[in-house]
């Protein structure tokens, strides 16, 4: 019996690397497509790597050739990409497409798009089910583009069965915007204190790359048209993440909890948000796919910490992770922290 074929778009990205490993391990013949066309040393033998820029006219069609049993798309962002996949439906048996938990809005119409506005941070139910309302589809933001992608693919589900995975805060090696760096660098720098606003209680549900890869593996084996949340088995608080990172690095630090927002500037603010939890309901994935997480947050940290530490050797944090400039903040303003601690 011939092996089933899988075509992975964005294969050398953070999630793509893990997805290729999971699919090969499940017996798929995998073509790994990326702009650089390179492979990954962690992949098993037999993976076929190809160079592909999906935005080049006809490039995806040419790379697919006679077709594939499943196309796994890590880098689809908008209605245009949905149309691209739909136009090739005669060559694609089914698809698994990574979306984002950022698509949700709360009962007041607040979402990630409004979080910088006064009282604009969303207040979601805990946990958030897939039936929660989303922002309107459009082309003005990451969230609206992802919703446009979802709506267009769901509309043609009979033509192209597609599983959409609404990922949480993705973490693990090869992350371009690693939130964990906030605590890893402090631990490596031997900072003695962790100042945490909002009582150290914020929760932004993480999604490890290996758990996402497991969802992709299961969805590839069970084609269907569905939208599923994609996250880890637990959503730790900021204080718990801080303690877990310290434990991996082997340091002990004092935690100073601040009730409410940062006392001055961004002292105590972390990349996991404010005091309104973001937790995704994973029940639907369990029922639809038989999903069981393959790794828990704390046990995944050593590999993440090692990768981050290696990237920092001989480089400043923004040089190592230039994508973090999008936050527009100095995550490591130790002078401001020390001044507040001395004055409190």
C-alpha atoms as a PDB file:
ATOM      1  CA  UNK A   1       0.000   0.000   0.000  1.00  0.00           C
ATOM      2  CA  UNK A   2       1.352   3.399  -0.999  1.00  0.00           C
ATOM      3  CA  UNK A   3       2.133   5.868   1.775  1.00  0.00           C
ATOM      4  CA  UNK A   4      -0.207   8.807   2.129  1.00  0.00           C
ATOM      5  CA  UNK A   5       1.334  12.136   1.194  1.00  0.00           C
ATOM      6  CA  UNK A   6       1.423  15.334   3.225  1.00  0.00           C
ATOM      7  CA  UNK A   7       2.510  18.737   1.933  1.00  0.00           C
ATOM      8  CA  UNK A   8       3.555  21.166   4.699  1.00  0.00           C
ATOM      9  CA  UNK A   9       3.597  24.900   3.935  1.00  0.00           C
ATOM     10  CA  UNK A  10       5.840  26.888   6.257  1.00  0.00           C
ATOM     11  CA  UNK A  11       7.701  23.749   7.240  1.00  0.00           C
ATOM     12  CA  UNK A  12      10.782  25.407   8.743  1.00  0.00           C
ATOM     13  CA  UNK A  13       8.813  27.696  11.021  1.00  0.00           C
ATOM     14  CA  UNK A  14       8.313  26.994  14.692  1.00  0.00           C
ATOM     15  CA  UNK A  15       5.216  24.799  14.352  1.00  0.00           C
ATOM     16  CA  UNK A  16       6.118  23.422  10.940  1.00  0.00           C
ATOM     17  CA  UNK A  17       9.279  21.739  12.179  1.00  0.00           C
ATOM     18  CA  UNK A  18       7.342  19.837  14.835  1.00  0.00           C
ATOM     19  CA  UNK A  19       4.482  19.016  12.462  1.00  0.00           C
ATOM     20  CA  UNK A  20       6.838  17.435   9.929  1.00  0.00           C
ATOM     21  CA  UNK A  21       8.317  15.225  12.642  1.00  0.00           C
ATOM     22  CA  UNK A  22       4.879  14.159  13.861  1.00  0.00           C
ATOM     23  CA  UNK A  23       3.575  13.366  10.381  1.00  0.00           C
ATOM     24  CA  UNK A  24       6.624  11.331   9.379  1.00  0.00           C
ATOM     25  CA  UNK A  25       6.346   9.460  12.667  1.00  0.00           C
ATOM     26  CA  UNK A  26       2.758   8.615  11.771  1.00  0.00           C
ATOM     27  CA  UNK A  27       3.732   7.117   8.432  1.00  0.00           C
ATOM     28  CA  UNK A  28       3.161  10.039   6.064  1.00  0.00           C
ATOM     29  CA  UNK A  29       5.381  10.795   3.095  1.00  0.00           C
ATOM     30  CA  UNK A  30       6.132  14.467   3.737  1.00  0.00           C
ATOM     31  CA  UNK A  31       7.103  17.297   1.421  1.00  0.00           C
ATOM     32  CA  UNK A  32       8.372  20.223   3.492  1.00  0.00           C
ATOM     33  CA  UNK A  33       7.965  23.559   1.724  1.00  0.00           C
ATOM     34  CA  UNK A  34       9.543  26.812   2.861  1.00  0.00           C
ATOM     35  CA  UNK A  35      10.922  29.995   1.340  1.00  0.00           C
ATOM     36  CA  UNK A  36      14.473  28.891   2.025  1.00  0.00           C
ATOM     37  CA  UNK A  37      13.900  25.320   0.894  1.00  0.00           C
ATOM     38  CA  UNK A  38      16.089  24.007   3.696  1.00  0.00           C
ATOM     39  CA  UNK A  39      15.596  20.975   5.880  1.00  0.00           C
ATOM     40  CA  UNK A  40      15.859  20.594   9.642  1.00  0.00           C
ATOM     41  CA  UNK A  41      18.397  18.449  11.466  1.00  0.00           C
ATOM     42  CA  UNK A  42      15.624  17.171  13.727  1.00  0.00           C
ATOM     43  CA  UNK A  43      13.644  15.656  10.864  1.00  0.00           C
ATOM     44  CA  UNK A  44      13.796  11.928  10.103  1.00  0.00           C
ATOM     45  CA  UNK A  45      15.258  10.709   6.831  1.00  0.00           C
ATOM     46  CA  UNK A  46      12.982  10.774   3.825  1.00  0.00           C
ATOM     47  CA  UNK A  47      11.553  14.267   4.168  1.00  0.00           C
ATOM     48  CA  UNK A  48      11.575  16.051   0.804  1.00  0.00           C
ATOM     49  CA  UNK A  49      12.417  19.751   1.173  1.00  0.00           C
ATOM     50  CA  UNK A  50      11.388  22.238  -1.510  1.00  0.00           C
ATOM     51  CA  UNK A  51      11.773  25.994  -1.924  1.00  0.00           C
ATOM     52  CA  UNK A  52       8.419  27.745  -2.253  1.00  0.00           C
ATOM     53  CA  UNK A  53       7.093  31.264  -1.987  1.00  0.00           C
ATOM     54  CA  UNK A  54       3.326  30.813  -2.073  1.00  0.00           C
ATOM     55  CA  UNK A  55       2.892  34.397  -3.257  1.00  0.00           C
ATOM     56  CA  UNK A  56       4.693  33.708  -6.531  1.00  0.00           C
ATOM     57  CA  UNK A  57       2.135  33.192  -9.281  1.00  0.00           C
ATOM     58  CA  UNK A  58       1.601  29.483  -9.902  1.00  0.00           C
ATOM     59  CA  UNK A  59       4.338  28.406  -7.482  1.00  0.00           C
ATOM     60  CA  UNK A  60       2.122  26.424  -5.126  1.00  0.00           C
ATOM     61  CA  UNK A  61       0.344  24.660  -7.969  1.00  0.00           C
ATOM     62  CA  UNK A  62       3.664  23.694  -9.507  1.00  0.00           C
ATOM     63  CA  UNK A  63       5.019  22.414  -6.191  1.00  0.00           C
ATOM     64  CA  UNK A  64       1.908  20.310  -5.567  1.00  0.00           C
ATOM     65  CA  UNK A  65       2.244  18.625  -8.926  1.00  0.00           C
ATOM     66  CA  UNK A  66      -0.272  15.783  -9.103  1.00  0.00           C
ATOM     67  CA  UNK A  67      -1.576  16.573  -5.645  1.00  0.00           C
ATOM     68  CA  UNK A  68      -1.376  15.542  -2.018  1.00  0.00           C
ATOM     69  CA  UNK A  69      -3.607  13.705   0.424  1.00  0.00           C
ATOM     70  CA  UNK A  70      -3.350  16.474   3.019  1.00  0.00           C
ATOM     71  CA  UNK A  71      -1.983  20.009   2.885  1.00  0.00           C
ATOM     72  CA  UNK A  72      -0.882  21.482   6.207  1.00  0.00           C
ATOM     73  CA  UNK A  73      -0.694  25.268   6.105  1.00  0.00           C
ATOM     74  CA  UNK A  74       1.174  27.144   8.846  1.00  0.00           C
ATOM     75  CA  UNK A  75       1.275  30.483   7.062  1.00  0.00           C
ATOM     76  CA  UNK A  76      -2.226  31.127   5.695  1.00  0.00           C
ATOM     77  CA  UNK A  77      -3.438  34.536   6.856  1.00  0.00           C
ATOM     78  CA  UNK A  78      -6.335  35.885   4.822  1.00  0.00           C
ATOM     79  CA  UNK A  79      -9.100  35.464   2.283  1.00  0.00           C
ATOM     80  CA  UNK A  80      -6.579  35.455  -0.545  1.00  0.00           C
ATOM     81  CA  UNK A  81      -4.835  32.418   0.878  1.00  0.00           C
ATOM     82  CA  UNK A  82      -8.192  30.709   1.363  1.00  0.00           C
ATOM     83  CA  UNK A  83      -8.963  31.321  -2.321  1.00  0.00           C
ATOM     84  CA  UNK A  84      -5.551  29.958  -3.263  1.00  0.00           C
ATOM     85  CA  UNK A  85      -6.212  26.695  -1.439  1.00  0.00           C
ATOM     86  CA  UNK A  86      -9.759  26.431  -2.731  1.00  0.00           C
ATOM     87  CA  UNK A  87      -8.528  26.914  -6.283  1.00  0.00           C
ATOM     88  CA  UNK A  88      -6.329  23.850  -5.844  1.00  0.00           C
ATOM     89  CA  UNK A  89      -8.990  21.716  -4.145  1.00  0.00           C
ATOM     90  CA  UNK A  90      -8.914  19.183  -6.970  1.00  0.00           C
ATOM     91  CA  UNK A  91      -5.333  18.353  -5.943  1.00  0.00           C
ATOM     92  CA  UNK A  92      -5.776  18.443  -2.161  1.00  0.00           C
ATOM     93  CA  UNK A  93      -7.575  15.654  -0.315  1.00  0.00           C
ATOM     94  CA  UNK A  94      -8.010  17.699   2.858  1.00  0.00           C
ATOM     95  CA  UNK A  95      -6.318  20.563   4.676  1.00  0.00           C
ATOM     96  CA  UNK A  96      -5.195  21.460   8.180  1.00  0.00           C
ATOM     97  CA  UNK A  97      -4.723  25.205   8.626  1.00  0.00           C
ATOM     98  CA  UNK A  98      -3.323  27.030  11.644  1.00  0.00           C
ATOM     99  CA  UNK A  99      -5.467  29.970  12.723  1.00  0.00           C
ATOM    100  CA  UNK A 100      -5.360  31.869  16.015  1.00  0.00           C
ATOM    101  CA  UNK A 101      -7.230  32.309  19.274  1.00  0.00           C
ATOM    102  CA  UNK A 102      -6.905  36.030  18.604  1.00  0.00           C
ATOM    103  CA  UNK A 103     -10.048  35.816  16.463  1.00  0.00           C
ATOM    104  CA  UNK A 104     -12.388  35.862  19.475  1.00  0.00           C
ATOM    105  CA  UNK A 105     -14.238  38.902  20.801  1.00  0.00           C
ATOM    106  CA  UNK A 106     -16.004  39.221  24.143  1.00  0.00           C
ATOM    107  CA  UNK A 107     -19.615  40.150  24.880  1.00  0.00           C
ATOM    108  CA  UNK A 108     -18.764  43.849  24.678  1.00  0.00           C
ATOM    109  CA  UNK A 109     -17.116  43.549  21.271  1.00  0.00           C
ATOM    110  CA  UNK A 110     -13.591  43.805  22.713  1.00  0.00           C
ATOM    111  CA  UNK A 111     -10.774  41.736  21.281  1.00  0.00           C
ATOM    112  CA  UNK A 112      -7.011  41.714  20.835  1.00  0.00           C
ATOM    113  CA  UNK A 113      -7.589  44.526  18.342  1.00  0.00           C
ATOM    114  CA  UNK A 114      -8.966  46.825  21.056  1.00  0.00           C
ATOM    115  CA  UNK A 115      -6.563  45.965  23.887  1.00  0.00           C
ATOM    116  CA  UNK A 116      -4.652  49.256  23.636  1.00  0.00           C
ATOM    117  CA  UNK A 117      -7.836  51.307  24.051  1.00  0.00           C
ATOM    118  CA  UNK A 118      -9.101  52.450  27.488  1.00  0.00           C
ATOM    119  CA  UNK A 119     -10.756  49.392  29.059  1.00  0.00           C
ATOM    120  CA  UNK A 120     -10.222  47.690  25.722  1.00  0.00           C
ATOM    121  CA  UNK A 121      -8.731  44.425  26.936  1.00  0.00           C
ATOM    122  CA  UNK A 122     -11.290  41.652  26.333  1.00  0.00           C
ATOM    123  CA  UNK A 123     -13.033  39.807  29.150  1.00  0.00           C
ATOM    124  CA  UNK A 124     -13.666  36.300  27.854  1.00  0.00           C
ATOM    125  CA  UNK A 125     -15.540  33.413  29.440  1.00  0.00           C
ATOM    126  CA  UNK A 126     -13.287  30.846  31.110  1.00  0.00           C
ATOM    127  CA  UNK A 127     -12.698  28.706  29.187  1.00  0.00           C
ATOM    128  CA  UNK A 128     -13.423  30.075  25.703  1.00  0.00           C
ATOM    129  CA  UNK A 129     -15.400  27.617  23.532  1.00  0.00           C
ATOM    130  CA  UNK A 130     -15.218  27.592  19.742  1.00  0.00           C
ATOM    131  CA  UNK A 131     -18.786  28.950  19.703  1.00  0.00           C
ATOM    132  CA  UNK A 132     -17.606  32.268  21.172  1.00  0.00           C
ATOM    133  CA  UNK A 133     -18.201  35.214  18.818  1.00  0.00           C
ATOM    134  CA  UNK A 134     -15.324  36.371  16.640  1.00  0.00           C
ATOM    135  CA  UNK A 135     -14.347  39.720  15.204  1.00  0.00           C
ATOM    136  CA  UNK A 136     -15.772  40.547  11.785  1.00  0.00           C
ATOM    137  CA  UNK A 137     -13.793  39.279   8.796  1.00  0.00           C
ATOM    138  CA  UNK A 138     -11.718  41.875   7.013  1.00  0.00           C
ATOM    139  CA  UNK A 139      -8.241  42.972   6.009  1.00  0.00           C
ATOM    140  CA  UNK A 140      -7.391  45.581   8.654  1.00  0.00           C
ATOM    141  CA  UNK A 141      -5.665  43.434  11.281  1.00  0.00           C
ATOM    142  CA  UNK A 142      -4.186  40.026  11.997  1.00  0.00           C
ATOM    143  CA  UNK A 143      -7.416  38.979  13.727  1.00  0.00           C
ATOM    144  CA  UNK A 144      -9.787  40.133  10.991  1.00  0.00           C
ATOM    145  CA  UNK A 145      -7.632  38.519   8.310  1.00  0.00           C
ATOM    146  CA  UNK A 146      -7.616  35.211  10.169  1.00  0.00           C
ATOM    147  CA  UNK A 147     -11.415  35.325  10.470  1.00  0.00           C
ATOM    148  CA  UNK A 148     -11.701  35.998   6.732  1.00  0.00           C
ATOM    149  CA  UNK A 149      -9.478  32.977   6.134  1.00  0.00           C
ATOM    150  CA  UNK A 150     -11.642  30.814   8.387  1.00  0.00           C
ATOM    151  CA  UNK A 151     -14.987  31.921   6.956  1.00  0.00           C
ATOM    152  CA  UNK A 152     -13.924  31.367   3.363  1.00  0.00           C
ATOM    153  CA  UNK A 153     -12.534  27.910   4.034  1.00  0.00           C
ATOM    154  CA  UNK A 154     -15.535  26.825   6.084  1.00  0.00           C
ATOM    155  CA  UNK A 155     -17.829  27.944   3.269  1.00  0.00           C
ATOM    156  CA  UNK A 156     -16.257  25.418   0.886  1.00  0.00           C
ATOM    157  CA  UNK A 157     -15.916  22.574   3.369  1.00  0.00           C
ATOM    158  CA  UNK A 158     -17.540  20.032   1.073  1.00  0.00           C
ATOM    159  CA  UNK A 159     -15.107  20.889  -1.683  1.00  0.00           C
ATOM    160  CA  UNK A 160     -12.056  21.043   0.578  1.00  0.00           C
ATOM    161  CA  UNK A 161     -12.482  19.488   4.048  1.00  0.00           C
ATOM    162  CA  UNK A 162     -10.446  21.709   6.366  1.00  0.00           C
ATOM    163  CA  UNK A 163      -9.568  21.599  10.049  1.00  0.00           C
ATOM    164  CA  UNK A 164      -8.800  25.077  11.409  1.00  0.00           C
ATOM    165  CA  UNK A 165      -6.750  25.187  14.600  1.00  0.00           C
ATOM    166  CA  UNK A 166      -7.126  28.307  16.742  1.00  0.00           C
ATOM    167  CA  UNK A 167      -3.767  28.321  18.479  1.00  0.00           C
ATOM    168  CA  UNK A 168      -3.041  29.864  21.850  1.00  0.00           C
ATOM    169  CA  UNK A 169       0.243  31.547  22.833  1.00  0.00           C
ATOM    170  CA  UNK A 170       2.656  29.348  20.877  1.00  0.00           C
ATOM    171  CA  UNK A 171       5.876  28.436  22.670  1.00  0.00           C
ATOM    172  CA  UNK A 172       8.856  26.179  22.266  1.00  0.00           C
ATOM    173  CA  UNK A 173      12.163  26.295  20.361  1.00  0.00           C
ATOM    174  CA  UNK A 174      12.431  28.381  17.181  1.00  0.00           C
ATOM    175  CA  UNK A 175       9.897  30.994  18.325  1.00  0.00           C
ATOM    176  CA  UNK A 176      10.433  34.419  16.720  1.00  0.00           C
ATOM    177  CA  UNK A 177       8.611  36.248  19.540  1.00  0.00           C
ATOM    178  CA  UNK A 178       9.304  34.163  22.647  1.00  0.00           C
ATOM    179  CA  UNK A 179       7.365  35.395  25.685  1.00  0.00           C
ATOM    180  CA  UNK A 180       9.408  33.028  27.851  1.00  0.00           C
ATOM    181  CA  UNK A 181      12.447  35.230  27.173  1.00  0.00           C
ATOM    182  CA  UNK A 182      10.990  37.713  29.689  1.00  0.00           C
ATOM    183  CA  UNK A 183      11.839  35.325  32.525  1.00  0.00           C
ATOM    184  CA  UNK A 184      14.652  33.315  30.940  1.00  0.00           C
ATOM    185  CA  UNK A 185      16.887  36.354  30.449  1.00  0.00           C
ATOM    186  CA  UNK A 186      16.185  37.559  34.000  1.00  0.00           C
ATOM    187  CA  UNK A 187      17.175  34.150  35.326  1.00  0.00           C
ATOM    188  CA  UNK A 188      20.323  34.032  33.194  1.00  0.00           C
ATOM    189  CA  UNK A 189      21.190  37.588  34.291  1.00  0.00           C
ATOM    190  CA  UNK A 190      20.768  36.481  37.914  1.00  0.00           C
ATOM    191  CA  UNK A 191      18.242  39.210  38.628  1.00  0.00           C
ATOM    192  CA  UNK A 192      17.269  38.652  42.284  1.00  0.00           C
ATOM    193  CA  UNK A 193      13.685  39.919  42.056  1.00  0.00           C
ATOM    194  CA  UNK A 194      10.673  39.331  39.798  1.00  0.00           C
ATOM    195  CA  UNK A 195       8.199  42.223  39.932  1.00  0.00           C
ATOM    196  CA  UNK A 196       4.778  41.042  38.730  1.00  0.00           C
ATOM    197  CA  UNK A 197       1.807  43.332  38.222  1.00  0.00           C
ATOM    198  CA  UNK A 198      -1.802  42.169  38.670  1.00  0.00           C
ATOM    199  CA  UNK A 199      -0.727  39.922  41.528  1.00  0.00           C
ATOM    200  CA  UNK A 200       1.131  37.600  39.158  1.00  0.00           C
ATOM    201  CA  UNK A 201      -2.250  36.185  38.151  1.00  0.00           C
ATOM    202  CA  UNK A 202      -2.513  36.836  34.362  1.00  0.00           C
ATOM    203  CA  UNK A 203      -3.051  33.727  32.258  1.00  0.00           C
ATOM    204  CA  UNK A 204      -2.667  33.536  28.484  1.00  0.00           C
ATOM    205  CA  UNK A 205      -3.158  29.908  27.501  1.00  0.00           C
ATOM    206  CA  UNK A 206       0.074  28.557  25.966  1.00  0.00           C
ATOM    207  CA  UNK A 207       0.284  26.095  23.097  1.00  0.00           C
ATOM    208  CA  UNK A 208       3.492  24.101  22.796  1.00  0.00           C
ATOM    209  CA  UNK A 209       4.642  23.245  19.285  1.00  0.00           C
ATOM    210  CA  UNK A 210       4.549  19.519  20.045  1.00  0.00           C
ATOM    211  CA  UNK A 211       0.921  19.717  21.186  1.00  0.00           C
ATOM    212  CA  UNK A 212       0.037  21.641  18.032  1.00  0.00           C
ATOM    213  CA  UNK A 213       1.872  19.022  15.984  1.00  0.00           C
ATOM    214  CA  UNK A 214      -0.172  16.308  17.682  1.00  0.00           C
ATOM    215  CA  UNK A 215      -3.402  18.091  16.763  1.00  0.00           C
ATOM    216  CA  UNK A 216      -2.168  18.415  13.183  1.00  0.00           C
ATOM    217  CA  UNK A 217      -1.283  14.704  13.077  1.00  0.00           C
ATOM    218  CA  UNK A 218      -4.711  13.704  14.330  1.00  0.00           C
ATOM    219  CA  UNK A 219      -6.583  16.082  12.026  1.00  0.00           C
ATOM    220  CA  UNK A 220      -4.615  14.852   9.013  1.00  0.00           C
ATOM    221  CA  UNK A 221      -5.677  11.292   9.792  1.00  0.00           C
ATOM    222  CA  UNK A 222      -9.341  12.282  10.292  1.00  0.00           C
ATOM    223  CA  UNK A 223     -10.303  14.711   7.523  1.00  0.00           C
ATOM    224  CA  UNK A 224     -13.255  16.960   8.219  1.00  0.00           C
ATOM    225  CA  UNK A 225     -14.510  20.527   8.229  1.00  0.00           C
ATOM    226  CA  UNK A 226     -14.207  21.930  11.744  1.00  0.00           C
ATOM    227  CA  UNK A 227     -12.794  24.717  13.905  1.00  0.00           C
ATOM    228  CA  UNK A 228     -10.912  23.650  17.031  1.00  0.00           C
ATOM    229  CA  UNK A 229      -9.019  25.413  19.792  1.00  0.00           C
ATOM    230  CA  UNK A 230      -5.380  24.396  20.095  1.00  0.00           C
ATOM    231  CA  UNK A 231      -3.624  24.763  23.437  1.00  0.00           C
ATOM    232  CA  UNK A 232      -1.761  23.016  26.243  1.00  0.00           C
ATOM    233  CA  UNK A 233      -3.514  21.020  28.986  1.00  0.00           C
ATOM    234  CA  UNK A 234      -3.048  23.873  31.477  1.00  0.00           C
ATOM    235  CA  UNK A 235      -2.904  27.670  31.472  1.00  0.00           C
ATOM    236  CA  UNK A 236      -0.338  28.625  34.140  1.00  0.00           C
ATOM    237  CA  UNK A 237      -0.295  32.032  35.777  1.00  0.00           C
ATOM    238  CA  UNK A 238       2.562  34.458  35.204  1.00  0.00           C
ATOM    239  CA  UNK A 239       3.830  33.727  38.719  1.00  0.00           C
ATOM    240  CA  UNK A 240       3.834  29.992  37.972  1.00  0.00           C
ATOM    241  CA  UNK A 241       5.711  30.529  34.704  1.00  0.00           C
ATOM    242  CA  UNK A 242       8.302  32.670  36.498  1.00  0.00           C
ATOM    243  CA  UNK A 243       8.879  29.992  39.136  1.00  0.00           C
ATOM    244  CA  UNK A 244       9.066  27.235  36.518  1.00  0.00           C
ATOM    245  CA  UNK A 245      11.716  29.089  34.496  1.00  0.00           C
ATOM    246  CA  UNK A 246      13.776  29.779  37.628  1.00  0.00           C
ATOM    247  CA  UNK A 247      13.644  26.080  38.469  1.00  0.00           C
ATOM    248  CA  UNK A 248      14.940  25.103  35.030  1.00  0.00           C
ATOM    249  CA  UNK A 249      17.806  27.626  35.124  1.00  0.00           C
ATOM    250  CA  UNK A 250      18.584  26.699  38.724  1.00  0.00           C
ATOM    251  CA  UNK A 251      18.160  30.073  40.409  1.00  0.00           C
ATOM    252  CA  UNK A 252      16.067  31.357  43.272  1.00  0.00           C
ATOM    253  CA  UNK A 253      14.474  34.790  43.137  1.00  0.00           C
ATOM    254  CA  UNK A 254      12.154  36.887  45.249  1.00  0.00           C
ATOM    255  CA  UNK A 255       8.727  37.549  43.782  1.00  0.00           C
ATOM    256  CA  UNK A 256       7.240  40.981  44.447  1.00  0.00           C
ATOM    257  CA  UNK A 257       3.536  41.018  43.601  1.00  0.00           C
ATOM    258  CA  UNK A 258       1.842  44.289  42.742  1.00  0.00           C
ATOM    259  CA  UNK A 259      -1.912  44.482  43.172  1.00  0.00           C
ATOM    260  CA  UNK A 260      -3.289  46.015  39.981  1.00  0.00           C
ATOM    261  CA  UNK A 261      -1.436  47.562  37.052  1.00  0.00           C
ATOM    262  CA  UNK A 262       2.261  48.470  36.876  1.00  0.00           C
ATOM    263  CA  UNK A 263       3.150  50.985  39.611  1.00  0.00           C
ATOM    264  CA  UNK A 264       5.310  53.038  37.255  1.00  0.00           C
ATOM    265  CA  UNK A 265       5.887  52.748  33.507  1.00  0.00           C
ATOM    266  CA  UNK A 266       5.873  49.078  32.556  1.00  0.00           C
ATOM    267  CA  UNK A 267       7.498  47.792  35.754  1.00  0.00           C
ATOM    268  CA  UNK A 268       5.821  44.469  36.499  1.00  0.00           C
ATOM    269  CA  UNK A 269       4.085  44.167  33.134  1.00  0.00           C
ATOM    270  CA  UNK A 270       4.695  40.897  31.274  1.00  0.00           C
ATOM    271  CA  UNK A 271       3.967  39.618  27.744  1.00  0.00           C
ATOM    272  CA  UNK A 272       1.108  37.491  29.086  1.00  0.00           C
ATOM    273  CA  UNK A 273      -1.287  40.412  29.448  1.00  0.00           C
ATOM    274  CA  UNK A 274      -3.338  41.792  32.309  1.00  0.00           C
ATOM    275  CA  UNK A 275      -5.667  40.344  34.932  1.00  0.00           C
ATOM    276  CA  UNK A 276      -8.313  39.025  32.529  1.00  0.00           C
ATOM    277  CA  UNK A 277      -7.570  35.355  31.808  1.00  0.00           C
ATOM    278  CA  UNK A 278      -7.429  33.920  28.306  1.00  0.00           C
ATOM    279  CA  UNK A 279      -8.084  30.194  28.556  1.00  0.00           C
ATOM    280  CA  UNK A 280      -9.216  28.009  25.662  1.00  0.00           C
ATOM    281  CA  UNK A 281     -11.639  25.103  25.985  1.00  0.00           C
ATOM    282  CA  UNK A 282     -10.045  21.948  24.579  1.00  0.00           C
ATOM    283  CA  UNK A 283     -13.107  19.701  24.913  1.00  0.00           C
ATOM    284  CA  UNK A 284     -14.033  19.846  21.221  1.00  0.00           C
ATOM    285  CA  UNK A 285     -10.567  18.688  20.116  1.00  0.00           C
ATOM    286  CA  UNK A 286     -10.757  15.796  22.552  1.00  0.00           C
ATOM    287  CA  UNK A 287     -14.127  14.703  21.192  1.00  0.00           C
ATOM    288  CA  UNK A 288     -13.485  15.306  17.481  1.00  0.00           C
ATOM    289  CA  UNK A 289      -9.941  13.956  17.254  1.00  0.00           C
ATOM    290  CA  UNK A 290      -9.313  12.003  20.433  1.00  0.00           C
ATOM    291  CA  UNK A 291      -6.691  14.617  21.271  1.00  0.00           C
ATOM    292  CA  UNK A 292      -4.488  14.122  24.296  1.00  0.00           C
ATOM    293  CA  UNK A 293      -1.593  16.535  24.911  1.00  0.00           C
ATOM    294  CA  UNK A 294       1.865  15.061  24.486  1.00  0.00           C
ATOM    295  CA  UNK A 295       3.688  17.536  26.746  1.00  0.00           C
ATOM    296  CA  UNK A 296       2.858  19.763  29.701  1.00  0.00           C
ATOM    297  CA  UNK A 297       4.123  23.314  30.099  1.00  0.00           C
ATOM    298  CA  UNK A 298       6.710  22.790  32.829  1.00  0.00           C
ATOM    299  CA  UNK A 299       8.226  19.673  31.262  1.00  0.00           C
ATOM    300  CA  UNK A 300       8.575  21.450  27.920  1.00  0.00           C
ATOM    301  CA  UNK A 301      10.587  24.319  29.387  1.00  0.00           C
ATOM    302  CA  UNK A 302      14.123  22.850  29.497  1.00  0.00           C
ATOM    303  CA  UNK A 303      14.366  22.584  25.700  1.00  0.00           C
ATOM    304  CA  UNK A 304      12.927  26.086  25.296  1.00  0.00           C
ATOM    305  CA  UNK A 305      15.311  27.569  27.862  1.00  0.00           C
ATOM    306  CA  UNK A 306      18.315  25.875  26.243  1.00  0.00           C
ATOM    307  CA  UNK A 307      17.351  27.195  22.814  1.00  0.00           C
ATOM    308  CA  UNK A 308      16.804  30.742  24.097  1.00  0.00           C
ATOM    309  CA  UNK A 309      20.061  30.738  26.038  1.00  0.00           C
ATOM    310  CA  UNK A 310      21.983  29.556  22.983  1.00  0.00           C
ATOM    311  CA  UNK A 311      20.462  32.313  20.847  1.00  0.00           C
ATOM    312  CA  UNK A 312      21.521  34.958  23.387  1.00  0.00           C
ATOM    313  CA  UNK A 313      25.188  34.010  23.440  1.00  0.00           C
ATOM    314  CA  UNK A 314      27.199  37.041  22.295  1.00  0.00           C
ATOM    315  CA  UNK A 315      24.098  39.002  21.296  1.00  0.00           C
ATOM    316  CA  UNK A 316      21.692  41.504  22.770  1.00  0.00           C
ATOM    317  CA  UNK A 317      18.120  40.323  23.178  1.00  0.00           C
ATOM    318  CA  UNK A 318      16.754  42.450  20.317  1.00  0.00           C
ATOM    319  CA  UNK A 319      19.578  41.335  18.057  1.00  0.00           C
ATOM    320  CA  UNK A 320      18.741  37.727  18.872  1.00  0.00           C
ATOM    321  CA  UNK A 321      14.980  38.279  18.566  1.00  0.00           C
ATOM    322  CA  UNK A 322      14.349  41.310  16.334  1.00  0.00           C
ATOM    323  CA  UNK A 323      10.677  40.429  16.005  1.00  0.00           C
ATOM    324  CA  UNK A 324      10.179  41.548  19.615  1.00  0.00           C
ATOM    325  CA  UNK A 325      10.514  45.166  18.513  1.00  0.00           C
ATOM    326  CA  UNK A 326       6.807  44.942  17.639  1.00  0.00           C
ATOM    327  CA  UNK A 327       6.004  45.266  21.343  1.00  0.00           C
ATOM    328  CA  UNK A 328       7.665  48.688  21.422  1.00  0.00           C
ATOM    329  CA  UNK A 329       8.866  48.141  24.995  1.00  0.00           C
ATOM    330  CA  UNK A 330      12.108  47.529  26.839  1.00  0.00           C
ATOM    331  CA  UNK A 331      11.354  44.252  28.540  1.00  0.00           C
ATOM    332  CA  UNK A 332      14.594  44.494  30.535  1.00  0.00           C
ATOM    333  CA  UNK A 333      14.689  48.006  31.970  1.00  0.00           C
ATOM    334  CA  UNK A 334      16.391  46.863  35.154  1.00  0.00           C
ATOM    335  CA  UNK A 335      17.195  50.435  36.195  1.00  0.00           C
ATOM    336  CA  UNK A 336      13.494  51.300  36.341  1.00  0.00           C
ATOM    337  CA  UNK A 337      12.778  48.170  38.364  1.00  0.00           C
ATOM    338  CA  UNK A 338      15.601  48.914  40.800  1.00  0.00           C
ATOM    339  CA  UNK A 339      14.491  52.514  41.232  1.00  0.00           C
ATOM    340  CA  UNK A 340      10.930  51.460  42.052  1.00  0.00           C
ATOM    341  CA  UNK A 341      12.092  48.724  44.417  1.00  0.00           C
ATOM    342  CA  UNK A 342      14.361  51.174  46.243  1.00  0.00           C
ATOM    343  CA  UNK A 343      11.602  53.756  46.593  1.00  0.00           C
ATOM    344  CA  UNK A 344       8.678  51.530  47.582  1.00  0.00           C
END
